[in-house]
Amino acid sequence: MASPTCSPERRIRPFEGALFGSPPLTSVLLVEDEAGDIGGLGAYSFLWPSAGSTHSLFLKELYVRDVLRRQGVGERLMNELRAIAAARPGCSRVEWMTDRDNPDARAFYKSLGFAEFDGKIVYRVDTGAAGV
């Protein structure tokens, strides 16, 4: 197998933009209620896949306070996250996970027209550190 012919500078350039560009790779989208308290949030990062030339917006956490659920807050957050991803050059998709035993979350995403993707298997290893 032949070795890659890309120069180090050419290989590094896409990573510089992904890791040090503006906006930063990790962000939080917040929703405030009338009193100025946090009513919901979407914590996300931009991920660079191991293969391919595009990256994705990965939604780490989507949270809406109980009293604000079923009022469109989660849908507005998801729409804004899609818009953020679409506006970022090179971002080809939005990805997230939910537990199989979380029927409320699964029903919410289905109600927005999102299909479940069975193509990935999630692995996890505990480090032995106590939970925070």
Protein backbone atom coordinates (compact mmCIF):
# COMPACT_ATOMS: atom_id res chain seq x y z
CA MET A 1 0.00 0.00 0.00
CA ALA A 2 1.39 3.38 -0.98
CA SER A 3 1.95 5.99 1.68
CA PRO A 4 -0.19 9.16 1.62
CA THR A 5 1.10 11.96 -0.56
CA CYS A 6 -0.49 14.85 1.35
CA SER A 7 1.86 17.37 2.82
CA PRO A 8 1.70 17.78 6.63
CA GLU A 9 0.38 21.32 6.15
CA ARG A 10 -2.47 20.09 3.94
CA ARG A 11 -3.42 17.36 6.43
CA ILE A 12 -3.41 19.77 9.38
CA ARG A 13 -5.39 22.63 7.81
CA PRO A 14 -8.89 21.04 8.16
CA PHE A 15 -8.21 20.16 11.78
CA GLU A 16 -7.11 23.69 12.63
CA GLY A 17 -10.46 25.03 11.48
CA ALA A 18 -12.41 22.35 13.30
CA LEU A 19 -10.48 22.62 16.55
CA PHE A 20 -9.59 26.30 16.75
CA GLY A 21 -12.11 28.00 14.50
CA SER A 22 -14.91 30.32 15.37
CA PRO A 23 -17.37 29.39 16.79
CA PRO A 24 -15.64 27.02 19.22
CA LEU A 25 -16.37 23.30 19.00
CA THR A 26 -18.32 23.08 22.25
CA SER A 27 -21.33 25.30 22.87
CA VAL A 28 -24.60 25.48 24.79
CA LEU A 29 -27.84 26.86 23.44
CA LEU A 30 -29.97 28.20 26.32
CA VAL A 31 -33.67 29.02 26.64
CA GLU A 32 -34.74 31.33 29.46
CA ASP A 33 -38.20 31.62 30.95
CA GLU A 34 -39.91 34.93 31.76
CA ALA A 35 -38.06 35.15 35.09
CA GLY A 36 -34.68 34.71 33.42
CA ASP A 37 -34.22 31.16 34.72
CA ILE A 38 -32.88 28.45 32.44
CA GLY A 39 -35.85 26.65 30.93
CA GLY A 40 -33.99 24.44 28.50
CA LEU A 41 -30.65 23.78 26.91
CA GLY A 42 -28.95 21.99 24.09
CA ALA A 43 -25.27 21.21 24.70
CA TYR A 44 -23.42 20.33 21.51
CA SER A 45 -20.03 19.92 19.92
CA PHE A 46 -18.77 19.68 16.40
CA LEU A 47 -17.18 16.30 15.71
CA TRP A 48 -14.72 15.37 13.03
CA PRO A 49 -15.36 11.84 11.73
CA SER A 50 -12.51 9.41 11.23
CA ALA A 51 -13.33 9.09 7.54
CA GLY A 52 -14.67 11.72 5.22
CA SER A 53 -14.20 15.41 4.71
CA THR A 54 -17.23 16.76 6.58
CA HIS A 55 -18.05 17.03 10.25
CA SER A 56 -21.22 16.83 12.33
CA LEU A 57 -22.97 18.68 15.09
CA PHE A 58 -23.27 16.20 17.95
CA LEU A 59 -26.02 16.97 20.45
CA LYS A 60 -24.72 15.88 23.84
CA GLU A 61 -27.65 16.95 26.01
CA LEU A 62 -31.15 18.21 25.31
CA TYR A 63 -32.99 19.31 28.43
CA VAL A 64 -36.27 21.14 29.00
CA ARG A 65 -37.54 21.88 32.51
CA ASP A 66 -40.59 19.80 33.40
CA VAL A 67 -42.95 22.81 33.62
CA LEU A 68 -42.01 23.92 30.09
CA ARG A 69 -42.32 20.56 28.37
CA ARG A 70 -44.90 20.14 25.61
CA GLN A 71 -44.81 23.88 24.95
CA GLY A 72 -42.53 23.79 21.90
CA VAL A 73 -39.25 24.54 23.71
CA GLY A 74 -37.60 21.25 22.72
CA GLU A 75 -38.75 21.62 19.14
CA ARG A 76 -37.37 25.18 18.99
CA LEU A 77 -34.05 23.96 20.37
CA MET A 78 -33.86 21.16 17.78
CA ASN A 79 -34.73 23.57 14.95
CA GLU A 80 -32.06 26.02 16.10
CA LEU A 81 -29.47 23.23 16.33
CA ARG A 82 -30.28 22.19 12.76
CA ALA A 83 -29.91 25.81 11.64
CA ILE A 84 -26.55 26.12 13.43
CA ALA A 85 -25.32 22.96 11.71
CA ALA A 86 -26.57 24.12 8.29
CA ALA A 87 -24.84 27.48 8.70
CA ARG A 88 -21.45 25.98 9.56
CA PRO A 89 -19.36 25.25 6.45
CA GLY A 90 -18.53 21.56 6.14
CA CYS A 91 -21.13 20.37 8.65
CA SER A 92 -23.17 17.66 6.95
CA ARG A 93 -25.42 16.35 9.73
CA VAL A 94 -26.77 16.52 13.28
CA GLU A 95 -26.41 13.39 15.41
CA TRP A 96 -27.49 12.45 18.92
CA MET A 97 -28.36 9.45 21.05
CA THR A 98 -31.01 8.50 23.52
CA ASP A 99 -31.49 5.42 25.63
CA ARG A 100 -33.65 2.64 24.21
CA ASP A 101 -35.57 2.61 27.49
CA ASN A 102 -36.50 6.31 27.23
CA PRO A 103 -39.89 6.17 25.46
CA ASP A 104 -40.65 9.87 26.04
CA ALA A 105 -37.48 11.03 24.27
CA ARG A 106 -37.96 8.55 21.46
CA ALA A 107 -41.57 9.66 20.97
CA PHE A 108 -40.49 13.32 20.99
CA TYR A 109 -37.89 12.79 18.25
CA LYS A 110 -40.35 10.71 16.23
CA SER A 111 -42.96 13.49 16.52
CA LEU A 112 -40.45 15.85 14.89
CA GLY A 113 -40.01 13.44 11.99
CA PHE A 114 -36.60 12.03 12.97
CA ALA A 115 -35.99 8.37 12.27
CA GLU A 116 -33.92 6.16 14.52
CA PHE A 117 -30.61 5.05 13.08
CA ASP A 118 -29.51 1.51 13.87
CA GLY A 119 -26.13 1.73 12.16
CA LYS A 120 -24.02 2.43 15.25
CA ILE A 121 -23.20 0.42 18.34
CA VAL A 122 -22.24 2.46 21.39
CA TYR A 123 -19.39 1.24 23.59
CA ARG A 124 -18.62 2.51 27.06
CA VAL A 125 -15.96 1.72 29.60
CA ASP A 126 -16.02 2.98 33.18
CA THR A 127 -12.86 4.54 34.54
CA GLY A 128 -13.62 3.71 38.17
CA ALA A 129 -14.07 7.37 39.12
CA ALA A 130 -17.09 8.16 41.28
CA GLY A 131 -19.94 9.92 39.47
CA VAL A 132 -20.33 13.63 39.91
